[in-house]
Amino acid sequence: MFKDIIVGVTPSGVDACAVESAVGFAKKFESNLYLVHVAGMEQGWGSIETLEASGETARLEARIREMYASLLADLPNAKVQVVAGIPHNELLRLARKKDTDLVVMGPHTKEYEEKRAQMWGMAGSTLERVSQKARCPVMIVHRAVECKDPAFSNILVATDFSEQSECAVSYGGQMVRQYKARLTLMNVSETSTDSPQGRAEIEARLKAEYGDRLQGIDNCVYAGRFGRPAMEILNMATQIGADLIIMAHHSNADDPEEAFLGSTVVQVSVNAPCPPMSVTRHFD
């Protein structure tokens, strides 16, 4: 399903879980795998243009290749690339150039364990910008993920009924059909008080909005919830034992260019029991 995979890495090794997951998918799907590090931030803006000439990019590439040598041993065609520039710009550019099917990203900071919530919520971070503008799905991995067969068997899709969420629902439907998985489609309302009648109304709307698009999927559950979206999505993922969460890259927003990942997707990403996948547009 994924023929070309890019995984963003840093020399610190903090992205190990993301790399392991990407390697597992590359083996399973016989994908082309690219480990990409964008150098420049730590060295300072003024030195970006001199990194390649100084040999720094070559040294970083050797360091990363050595760090992940055992993981890449069975993937002789896997490539390690170090480029100079602004991280999100270069990752997006490479993803477009290679017509990538999937971008895998990890926490991308040494202070992740102590400050992960603050970092992931920071507007303008590399993760936010890549997830916002990528032309392919972006999987966010912050803990070890088992690459099993089938790859996904229990998929949770969260929607806020926005136009952007339609892309996530469509992609989730494709994934469910591909793997004959179980689908849970949910919406969380922040505007009303929880009640059986309220949940039933949300579930009826989910069926009305997406039922035709999900025809042919036998194992599909519609779930309405009330409360804080991130918390309810995390609770649902844990409750059903989801192995993948699919969401739009942002919730209700009129201007996609101004809508960063922000609260809901960020909170889900850093706390989810399984990888979340950010979807920005319709994919086949």
C-alpha atoms as a PDB file:
ATOM      1  CA  MET A   1       0.000   0.000   0.000  1.00  0.00           C
ATOM      2  CA  PHE A   2       2.921   2.325   0.740  1.00  0.00           C
ATOM      3  CA  LYS A   3       5.446   2.275  -2.090  1.00  0.00           C
ATOM      4  CA  ASP A   4       7.573   5.267  -1.087  1.00  0.00           C
ATOM      5  CA  ILE A   5       8.051   6.189   2.567  1.00  0.00           C
ATOM      6  CA  ILE A   6       9.944   9.130   4.037  1.00  0.00           C
ATOM      7  CA  VAL A   7      10.845   9.155   7.725  1.00  0.00           C
ATOM      8  CA  GLY A   8      12.194  12.310   9.317  1.00  0.00           C
ATOM      9  CA  VAL A   9      15.200  11.652  11.560  1.00  0.00           C
ATOM     10  CA  THR A  10      17.688  13.500  13.743  1.00  0.00           C
ATOM     11  CA  PRO A  11      21.212  12.446  14.820  1.00  0.00           C
ATOM     12  CA  SER A  12      20.036  12.312  18.453  1.00  0.00           C
ATOM     13  CA  GLY A  13      18.235   8.992  17.961  1.00  0.00           C
ATOM     14  CA  VAL A  14      15.055  10.293  19.584  1.00  0.00           C
ATOM     15  CA  ASP A  15      13.184   9.230  16.438  1.00  0.00           C
ATOM     16  CA  ALA A  16      14.077   5.544  16.859  1.00  0.00           C
ATOM     17  CA  CYS A  17      10.453   4.410  17.234  1.00  0.00           C
ATOM     18  CA  ALA A  18       9.463   6.252  14.073  1.00  0.00           C
ATOM     19  CA  VAL A  19      12.376   4.711  12.164  1.00  0.00           C
ATOM     20  CA  GLU A  20      11.551   1.218  13.427  1.00  0.00           C
ATOM     21  CA  SER A  21       7.941   1.622  12.317  1.00  0.00           C
ATOM     22  CA  ALA A  22       8.934   2.962   8.907  1.00  0.00           C
ATOM     23  CA  VAL A  23      11.383   0.084   8.429  1.00  0.00           C
ATOM     24  CA  GLY A  24       8.676  -2.403   9.384  1.00  0.00           C
ATOM     25  CA  PHE A  25       6.256  -0.936   6.851  1.00  0.00           C
ATOM     26  CA  ALA A  26       8.975  -0.795   4.186  1.00  0.00           C
ATOM     27  CA  LYS A  27       9.687  -4.501   4.632  1.00  0.00           C
ATOM     28  CA  LYS A  28       6.030  -5.444   4.686  1.00  0.00           C
ATOM     29  CA  PHE A  29       5.069  -3.438   1.611  1.00  0.00           C
ATOM     30  CA  GLU A  30       8.439  -3.713  -0.195  1.00  0.00           C
ATOM     31  CA  SER A  31       8.608   0.065  -0.156  1.00  0.00           C
ATOM     32  CA  ASN A  32      11.362   2.465  -1.040  1.00  0.00           C
ATOM     33  CA  LEU A  33      12.503   3.981   2.259  1.00  0.00           C
ATOM     34  CA  TYR A  34      14.210   7.341   2.729  1.00  0.00           C
ATOM     35  CA  LEU A  35      15.623   8.468   6.064  1.00  0.00           C
ATOM     36  CA  VAL A  36      15.818  12.239   5.831  1.00  0.00           C
ATOM     37  CA  HIS A  37      17.500  14.695   8.173  1.00  0.00           C
ATOM     38  CA  VAL A  38      17.370  18.411   7.464  1.00  0.00           C
ATOM     39  CA  ALA A  39      20.453  20.143   8.878  1.00  0.00           C
ATOM     40  CA  GLY A  40      20.732  23.826   9.590  1.00  0.00           C
ATOM     41  CA  MET A  41      18.677  24.652  12.651  1.00  0.00           C
ATOM     42  CA  GLU A  42      21.261  23.671  15.279  1.00  0.00           C
ATOM     43  CA  GLN A  43      24.111  25.280  13.362  1.00  0.00           C
ATOM     44  CA  GLY A  44      22.323  28.608  12.969  1.00  0.00           C
ATOM     45  CA  TRP A  45      20.606  30.272  10.040  1.00  0.00           C
ATOM     46  CA  GLY A  46      23.756  31.944   8.762  1.00  0.00           C
ATOM     47  CA  SER A  47      25.551  28.658   8.195  1.00  0.00           C
ATOM     48  CA  ILE A  48      22.847  26.758   6.298  1.00  0.00           C
ATOM     49  CA  GLU A  49      24.370  27.463   2.906  1.00  0.00           C
ATOM     50  CA  THR A  50      27.839  26.363   4.031  1.00  0.00           C
ATOM     51  CA  LEU A  51      26.906  23.015   5.573  1.00  0.00           C
ATOM     52  CA  GLU A  52      27.410  20.908   2.446  1.00  0.00           C
ATOM     53  CA  ALA A  53      30.629  22.666   1.469  1.00  0.00           C
ATOM     54  CA  SER A  54      32.066  22.157   4.955  1.00  0.00           C
ATOM     55  CA  GLY A  55      31.393  18.428   4.860  1.00  0.00           C
ATOM     56  CA  GLU A  56      28.982  18.597   7.790  1.00  0.00           C
ATOM     57  CA  THR A  57      26.107  17.022   5.889  1.00  0.00           C
ATOM     58  CA  ALA A  58      28.313  14.064   4.911  1.00  0.00           C
ATOM     59  CA  ARG A  59      29.368  13.556   8.535  1.00  0.00           C
ATOM     60  CA  LEU A  60      25.769  13.681   9.705  1.00  0.00           C
ATOM     61  CA  GLU A  61      24.739  11.175   7.043  1.00  0.00           C
ATOM     62  CA  ALA A  62      27.451   8.753   8.155  1.00  0.00           C
ATOM     63  CA  ARG A  63      26.386   9.154  11.775  1.00  0.00           C
ATOM     64  CA  ILE A  64      22.735   8.440  11.012  1.00  0.00           C
ATOM     65  CA  ARG A  65      23.586   5.513   8.748  1.00  0.00           C
ATOM     66  CA  GLU A  66      25.720   3.976  11.518  1.00  0.00           C
ATOM     67  CA  MET A  67      23.034   4.611  14.132  1.00  0.00           C
ATOM     68  CA  TYR A  68      20.416   2.663  12.176  1.00  0.00           C
ATOM     69  CA  ALA A  69      22.704   0.136  10.458  1.00  0.00           C
ATOM     70  CA  SER A  70      21.114  -2.909  12.100  1.00  0.00           C
ATOM     71  CA  LEU A  71      17.584  -1.805  11.204  1.00  0.00           C
ATOM     72  CA  LEU A  72      18.538  -1.115   7.594  1.00  0.00           C
ATOM     73  CA  ALA A  73      20.550  -4.323   7.127  1.00  0.00           C
ATOM     74  CA  ASP A  74      17.639  -6.064   5.371  1.00  0.00           C
ATOM     75  CA  LEU A  75      16.779  -3.010   3.292  1.00  0.00           C
ATOM     76  CA  PRO A  76      19.714  -2.586   0.911  1.00  0.00           C
ATOM     77  CA  ASN A  77      17.809  -0.008  -1.123  1.00  0.00           C
ATOM     78  CA  ALA A  78      17.044   2.225   1.852  1.00  0.00           C
ATOM     79  CA  LYS A  79      18.624   5.648   1.511  1.00  0.00           C
ATOM     80  CA  VAL A  80      19.864   8.113   4.092  1.00  0.00           C
ATOM     81  CA  GLN A  81      19.723  11.730   2.991  1.00  0.00           C
ATOM     82  CA  VAL A  82      20.975  14.809   4.818  1.00  0.00           C
ATOM     83  CA  VAL A  83      20.077  18.120   3.258  1.00  0.00           C
ATOM     84  CA  ALA A  84      20.614  21.678   4.405  1.00  0.00           C
ATOM     85  CA  GLY A  85      17.651  23.985   4.823  1.00  0.00           C
ATOM     86  CA  ILE A  86      14.470  24.619   6.765  1.00  0.00           C
ATOM     87  CA  PRO A  87      13.148  21.256   8.030  1.00  0.00           C
ATOM     88  CA  HIS A  88       9.491  21.412   7.031  1.00  0.00           C
ATOM     89  CA  ASN A  89      10.267  22.968   3.645  1.00  0.00           C
ATOM     90  CA  GLU A  90      12.778  20.275   2.733  1.00  0.00           C
ATOM     91  CA  LEU A  91      10.656  17.369   3.975  1.00  0.00           C
ATOM     92  CA  LEU A  92       7.672  18.625   1.999  1.00  0.00           C
ATOM     93  CA  ARG A  93       9.807  19.223  -1.083  1.00  0.00           C
ATOM     94  CA  LEU A  94      11.280  15.720  -0.985  1.00  0.00           C
ATOM     95  CA  ALA A  95       7.861  14.173  -0.393  1.00  0.00           C
ATOM     96  CA  ARG A  96       6.514  15.939  -3.499  1.00  0.00           C
ATOM     97  CA  LYS A  97       9.574  15.066  -5.575  1.00  0.00           C
ATOM     98  CA  LYS A  98       9.369  11.372  -4.744  1.00  0.00           C
ATOM     99  CA  ASP A  99       5.562  11.284  -4.868  1.00  0.00           C
ATOM    100  CA  THR A 100       5.652   9.773  -1.405  1.00  0.00           C
ATOM    101  CA  ASP A 101       2.772   7.624  -0.110  1.00  0.00           C
ATOM    102  CA  LEU A 102       3.557   8.115   3.569  1.00  0.00           C
ATOM    103  CA  VAL A 103       5.610  10.401   5.800  1.00  0.00           C
ATOM    104  CA  VAL A 104       6.533   9.045   9.227  1.00  0.00           C
ATOM    105  CA  MET A 105       7.603  11.460  11.953  1.00  0.00           C
ATOM    106  CA  GLY A 106       8.671  11.135  15.562  1.00  0.00           C
ATOM    107  CA  PRO A 107       9.040  13.637  18.436  1.00  0.00           C
ATOM    108  CA  HIS A 108      12.060  15.452  16.978  1.00  0.00           C
ATOM    109  CA  THR A 109      13.435  16.889  20.185  1.00  0.00           C
ATOM    110  CA  LYS A 110      15.802  15.785  22.965  1.00  0.00           C
ATOM    111  CA  GLU A 111      13.502  17.303  25.558  1.00  0.00           C
ATOM    112  CA  TYR A 112      10.588  15.225  24.314  1.00  0.00           C
ATOM    113  CA  GLU A 113      10.132  13.121  27.428  1.00  0.00           C
ATOM    114  CA  GLU A 114       9.952  16.169  29.695  1.00  0.00           C
ATOM    115  CA  LYS A 115       8.259  18.704  27.457  1.00  0.00           C
ATOM    116  CA  ARG A 116       6.447  16.734  24.783  1.00  0.00           C
ATOM    117  CA  ALA A 117       3.068  18.374  25.283  1.00  0.00           C
ATOM    118  CA  GLN A 118       4.488  21.883  25.113  1.00  0.00           C
ATOM    119  CA  MET A 119       6.679  21.106  22.114  1.00  0.00           C
ATOM    120  CA  TRP A 120       4.005  19.380  20.077  1.00  0.00           C
ATOM    121  CA  GLY A 121       1.598  22.171  20.783  1.00  0.00           C
ATOM    122  CA  MET A 122       4.019  24.854  19.654  1.00  0.00           C
ATOM    123  CA  ALA A 123       2.617  26.624  16.597  1.00  0.00           C
ATOM    124  CA  GLY A 124       4.973  26.450  13.657  1.00  0.00           C
ATOM    125  CA  SER A 125       6.807  23.275  14.672  1.00  0.00           C
ATOM    126  CA  THR A 126       8.135  21.002  11.928  1.00  0.00           C
ATOM    127  CA  LEU A 127       5.498  18.387  12.667  1.00  0.00           C
ATOM    128  CA  GLU A 128       2.678  20.901  12.493  1.00  0.00           C
ATOM    129  CA  ARG A 129       3.783  22.345   9.182  1.00  0.00           C
ATOM    130  CA  VAL A 130       4.472  18.989   7.545  1.00  0.00           C
ATOM    131  CA  SER A 131       1.128  17.577   8.688  1.00  0.00           C
ATOM    132  CA  GLN A 132      -0.661  20.713   7.571  1.00  0.00           C
ATOM    133  CA  LYS A 133       0.704  20.846   4.041  1.00  0.00           C
ATOM    134  CA  ALA A 134       1.783  17.310   3.099  1.00  0.00           C
ATOM    135  CA  ARG A 135       0.243  15.840  -0.018  1.00  0.00           C
ATOM    136  CA  CYS A 136       0.301  12.380   1.532  1.00  0.00           C
ATOM    137  CA  PRO A 137      -0.744  10.961   4.914  1.00  0.00           C
ATOM    138  CA  VAL A 138       1.569  11.717   7.844  1.00  0.00           C
ATOM    139  CA  MET A 139       1.919   9.061  10.544  1.00  0.00           C
ATOM    140  CA  ILE A 140       3.067  10.272  13.952  1.00  0.00           C
ATOM    141  CA  VAL A 141       4.961   7.675  15.996  1.00  0.00           C
ATOM    142  CA  HIS A 142       6.137   8.294  19.547  1.00  0.00           C
ATOM    143  CA  ARG A 143       6.238   4.743  20.874  1.00  0.00           C
ATOM    144  CA  ALA A 144       7.091   1.281  19.574  1.00  0.00           C
ATOM    145  CA  VAL A 145       4.592  -0.033  17.021  1.00  0.00           C
ATOM    146  CA  GLU A 146       4.216  -3.695  16.162  1.00  0.00           C
ATOM    147  CA  CYS A 147       4.239  -4.335  12.430  1.00  0.00           C
ATOM    148  CA  LYS A 148       1.751  -7.186  12.269  1.00  0.00           C
ATOM    149  CA  ASP A 149      -0.284  -9.030   9.693  1.00  0.00           C
ATOM    150  CA  PRO A 150      -2.658  -7.559   8.774  1.00  0.00           C
ATOM    151  CA  ALA A 151      -1.007  -4.209   9.310  1.00  0.00           C
ATOM    152  CA  PHE A 152      -4.224  -2.683  10.659  1.00  0.00           C
ATOM    153  CA  SER A 153      -7.250  -4.505  12.017  1.00  0.00           C
ATOM    154  CA  ASN A 154      -9.043  -1.914  14.148  1.00  0.00           C
ATOM    155  CA  ILE A 155      -9.165   1.625  12.772  1.00  0.00           C
ATOM    156  CA  LEU A 156     -10.631   4.679  14.504  1.00  0.00           C
ATOM    157  CA  VAL A 157     -11.582   7.671  12.359  1.00  0.00           C
ATOM    158  CA  ALA A 158     -12.508  10.957  14.041  1.00  0.00           C
ATOM    159  CA  THR A 159     -14.519  13.587  12.186  1.00  0.00           C
ATOM    160  CA  ASP A 160     -15.861  17.028  13.030  1.00  0.00           C
ATOM    161  CA  PHE A 161     -18.031  17.067   9.875  1.00  0.00           C
ATOM    162  CA  SER A 162     -15.730  19.639   8.273  1.00  0.00           C
ATOM    163  CA  GLU A 163     -14.696  19.475   4.636  1.00  0.00           C
ATOM    164  CA  GLN A 164     -11.216  18.481   5.711  1.00  0.00           C
ATOM    165  CA  SER A 165     -12.579  15.578   7.752  1.00  0.00           C
ATOM    166  CA  GLU A 166     -14.207  14.127   4.654  1.00  0.00           C
ATOM    167  CA  CYS A 167     -10.706  13.348   3.404  1.00  0.00           C
ATOM    168  CA  ALA A 168      -9.912  11.452   6.608  1.00  0.00           C
ATOM    169  CA  VAL A 169     -13.142   9.472   6.422  1.00  0.00           C
ATOM    170  CA  SER A 170     -12.559   8.557   2.768  1.00  0.00           C
ATOM    171  CA  TYR A 171      -9.010   7.445   3.441  1.00  0.00           C
ATOM    172  CA  GLY A 172     -10.123   5.503   6.508  1.00  0.00           C
ATOM    173  CA  GLY A 173     -12.688   3.704   4.382  1.00  0.00           C
ATOM    174  CA  GLN A 174     -10.011   2.737   1.878  1.00  0.00           C
ATOM    175  CA  MET A 175      -7.783   1.408   4.648  1.00  0.00           C
ATOM    176  CA  VAL A 176     -10.615  -0.590   6.190  1.00  0.00           C
ATOM    177  CA  ARG A 177     -11.490  -2.195   2.857  1.00  0.00           C
ATOM    178  CA  GLN A 178      -7.845  -2.921   2.088  1.00  0.00           C
ATOM    179  CA  TYR A 179      -7.249  -4.757   5.366  1.00  0.00           C
ATOM    180  CA  LYS A 180     -10.797  -5.990   6.046  1.00  0.00           C
ATOM    181  CA  ALA A 181     -10.506  -4.119   9.320  1.00  0.00           C
ATOM    182  CA  ARG A 182     -13.043  -2.958  11.851  1.00  0.00           C
ATOM    183  CA  LEU A 183     -14.015   0.714  11.542  1.00  0.00           C
ATOM    184  CA  THR A 184     -15.170   3.014  14.320  1.00  0.00           C
ATOM    185  CA  LEU A 185     -16.287   6.415  13.066  1.00  0.00           C
ATOM    186  CA  MET A 186     -16.784   8.971  15.809  1.00  0.00           C
ATOM    187  CA  ASN A 187     -17.669  12.589  16.416  1.00  0.00           C
ATOM    188  CA  VAL A 188     -17.276  14.481  19.668  1.00  0.00           C
ATOM    189  CA  SER A 189     -19.600  17.369  20.484  1.00  0.00           C
ATOM    190  CA  GLU A 190     -18.442  20.140  22.787  1.00  0.00           C
ATOM    191  CA  THR A 191     -21.668  22.120  22.552  1.00  0.00           C
ATOM    192  CA  SER A 192     -24.197  19.882  24.287  1.00  0.00           C
ATOM    193  CA  THR A 193     -24.640  17.841  27.438  1.00  0.00           C
ATOM    194  CA  ASP A 194     -24.091  14.108  27.222  1.00  0.00           C
ATOM    195  CA  SER A 195     -27.255  12.033  26.977  1.00  0.00           C
ATOM    196  CA  PRO A 196     -28.399   8.848  25.221  1.00  0.00           C
ATOM    197  CA  GLN A 197     -30.591  10.937  22.930  1.00  0.00           C
ATOM    198  CA  GLY A 198     -27.691  13.246  22.094  1.00  0.00           C
ATOM    199  CA  ARG A 199     -25.414  10.340  21.240  1.00  0.00           C
ATOM    200  CA  ALA A 200     -28.123   8.818  19.063  1.00  0.00           C
ATOM    201  CA  GLU A 201     -28.508  12.111  17.185  1.00  0.00           C
ATOM    202  CA  ILE A 202     -24.771  12.284  16.474  1.00  0.00           C
ATOM    203  CA  GLU A 203     -24.698   8.677  15.318  1.00  0.00           C
ATOM    204  CA  ALA A 204     -27.667   9.303  13.020  1.00  0.00           C
ATOM    205  CA  ARG A 205     -25.848  12.272  11.504  1.00  0.00           C
ATOM    206  CA  LEU A 206     -22.680  10.201  11.016  1.00  0.00           C
ATOM    207  CA  LYS A 207     -24.692   7.601   9.107  1.00  0.00           C
ATOM    208  CA  ALA A 208     -26.427  10.260   7.021  1.00  0.00           C
ATOM    209  CA  GLU A 209     -23.189  12.085   6.181  1.00  0.00           C
ATOM    210  CA  TYR A 210     -20.923   9.114   5.514  1.00  0.00           C
ATOM    211  CA  GLY A 211     -23.077   6.001   5.128  1.00  0.00           C
ATOM    212  CA  ASP A 212     -23.015   6.023   1.328  1.00  0.00           C
ATOM    213  CA  ARG A 213     -19.252   6.541   1.270  1.00  0.00           C
ATOM    214  CA  LEU A 214     -18.728   3.578   3.594  1.00  0.00           C
ATOM    215  CA  GLN A 215     -20.983   1.132   1.773  1.00  0.00           C
ATOM    216  CA  GLY A 216     -19.601  -2.381   1.656  1.00  0.00           C
ATOM    217  CA  ILE A 217     -17.913  -2.124   5.044  1.00  0.00           C
ATOM    218  CA  ASP A 218     -19.671  -4.701   7.201  1.00  0.00           C
ATOM    219  CA  ASN A 219     -17.895  -4.101  10.483  1.00  0.00           C
ATOM    220  CA  CYS A 220     -18.582  -0.400  11.024  1.00  0.00           C
ATOM    221  CA  VAL A 221     -19.583   1.314  14.261  1.00  0.00           C
ATOM    222  CA  TYR A 222     -20.830   4.905  14.524  1.00  0.00           C
ATOM    223  CA  ALA A 223     -20.085   6.562  17.863  1.00  0.00           C
ATOM    224  CA  GLY A 224     -21.252   9.899  19.239  1.00  0.00           C
ATOM    225  CA  ARG A 225     -19.565  11.366  22.311  1.00  0.00           C
ATOM    226  CA  PHE A 226     -19.612  14.587  24.321  1.00  0.00           C
ATOM    227  CA  GLY A 227     -16.740  16.407  26.008  1.00  0.00           C
ATOM    228  CA  ARG A 228     -13.209  17.403  25.107  1.00  0.00           C
ATOM    229  CA  PRO A 229     -12.490  15.933  21.653  1.00  0.00           C
ATOM    230  CA  ALA A 230      -8.908  14.853  22.336  1.00  0.00           C
ATOM    231  CA  MET A 231      -9.822  13.137  25.588  1.00  0.00           C
ATOM    232  CA  GLU A 232     -12.798  11.320  24.085  1.00  0.00           C
ATOM    233  CA  ILE A 233     -10.806  10.186  21.049  1.00  0.00           C
ATOM    234  CA  LEU A 234      -8.041   8.848  23.305  1.00  0.00           C
ATOM    235  CA  ASN A 235     -10.600   7.090  25.505  1.00  0.00           C
ATOM    236  CA  MET A 236     -12.244   5.515  22.482  1.00  0.00           C
ATOM    237  CA  ALA A 237      -8.913   4.376  21.020  1.00  0.00           C
ATOM    238  CA  THR A 238      -8.034   2.678  24.298  1.00  0.00           C
ATOM    239  CA  GLN A 239     -11.495   1.221  24.765  1.00  0.00           C
ATOM    240  CA  ILE A 240     -11.664  -0.464  21.360  1.00  0.00           C
ATOM    241  CA  GLY A 241      -7.969  -1.353  21.136  1.00  0.00           C
ATOM    242  CA  ALA A 242      -7.423   0.714  17.986  1.00  0.00           C
ATOM    243  CA  ASP A 243      -4.184   0.175  16.088  1.00  0.00           C
ATOM    244  CA  LEU A 244      -4.562   3.316  13.954  1.00  0.00           C
ATOM    245  CA  ILE A 245      -6.275   6.697  14.437  1.00  0.00           C
ATOM    246  CA  ILE A 246      -7.063   8.750  11.344  1.00  0.00           C
ATOM    247  CA  MET A 247      -7.903  12.435  11.645  1.00  0.00           C
ATOM    248  CA  ALA A 248      -7.950  15.515   9.472  1.00  0.00           C
ATOM    249  CA  HIS A 249      -4.867  17.686   9.919  1.00  0.00           C
ATOM    250  CA  HIS A 250      -6.977  20.332  11.576  1.00  0.00           C
ATOM    251  CA  SER A 251     -10.516  20.675  12.790  1.00  0.00           C
ATOM    252  CA  ASN A 252     -13.074  23.322  11.871  1.00  0.00           C
ATOM    253  CA  ALA A 253     -11.192  26.154  10.186  1.00  0.00           C
ATOM    254  CA  ASP A 254     -12.054  28.394   7.277  1.00  0.00           C
ATOM    255  CA  ASP A 255      -8.471  28.993   6.171  1.00  0.00           C
ATOM    256  CA  PRO A 256      -6.303  25.849   5.931  1.00  0.00           C
ATOM    257  CA  GLU A 257      -3.178  27.994   5.613  1.00  0.00           C
ATOM    258  CA  GLU A 258      -3.796  29.477   9.048  1.00  0.00           C
ATOM    259  CA  ALA A 259      -4.942  26.274  10.742  1.00  0.00           C
ATOM    260  CA  PHE A 260      -2.103  24.504  12.503  1.00  0.00           C
ATOM    261  CA  LEU A 261      -2.472  21.101  14.122  1.00  0.00           C
ATOM    262  CA  GLY A 262      -3.333  22.794  17.374  1.00  0.00           C
ATOM    263  CA  SER A 263      -5.118  21.343  20.329  1.00  0.00           C
ATOM    264  CA  THR A 264      -7.038  18.188  19.380  1.00  0.00           C
ATOM    265  CA  VAL A 265      -4.650  16.481  16.974  1.00  0.00           C
ATOM    266  CA  VAL A 266      -1.618  17.513  19.018  1.00  0.00           C
ATOM    267  CA  GLN A 267      -3.031  16.088  22.233  1.00  0.00           C
ATOM    268  CA  VAL A 268      -4.064  12.890  20.497  1.00  0.00           C
ATOM    269  CA  SER A 269      -0.673  12.559  18.823  1.00  0.00           C
ATOM    270  CA  VAL A 270       1.390  12.757  21.995  1.00  0.00           C
ATOM    271  CA  ASN A 271      -0.842  10.540  24.118  1.00  0.00           C
ATOM    272  CA  ALA A 272      -2.357   7.985  21.745  1.00  0.00           C
ATOM    273  CA  PRO A 273      -1.920   4.246  22.432  1.00  0.00           C
ATOM    274  CA  CYS A 274      -1.420   3.717  18.685  1.00  0.00           C
ATOM    275  CA  PRO A 275      -0.108   5.834  15.790  1.00  0.00           C
ATOM    276  CA  PRO A 276      -2.307   8.711  14.652  1.00  0.00           C
ATOM    277  CA  MET A 277      -2.354   9.499  10.944  1.00  0.00           C
ATOM    278  CA  SER A 278      -2.933  13.030   9.711  1.00  0.00           C
ATOM    279  CA  VAL A 279      -4.737  13.293   6.368  1.00  0.00           C
ATOM    280  CA  THR A 280      -4.895  16.551   4.429  1.00  0.00           C
ATOM    281  CA  ARG A 281      -6.649  15.679   1.192  1.00  0.00           C
ATOM    282  CA  HIS A 282      -8.207  12.831  -0.781  1.00  0.00           C
ATOM    283  CA  PHE A 283      -5.801   9.993  -1.581  1.00  0.00           C
ATOM    284  CA  ASP A 284      -6.091   6.762  -3.501  1.00  0.00           C
END
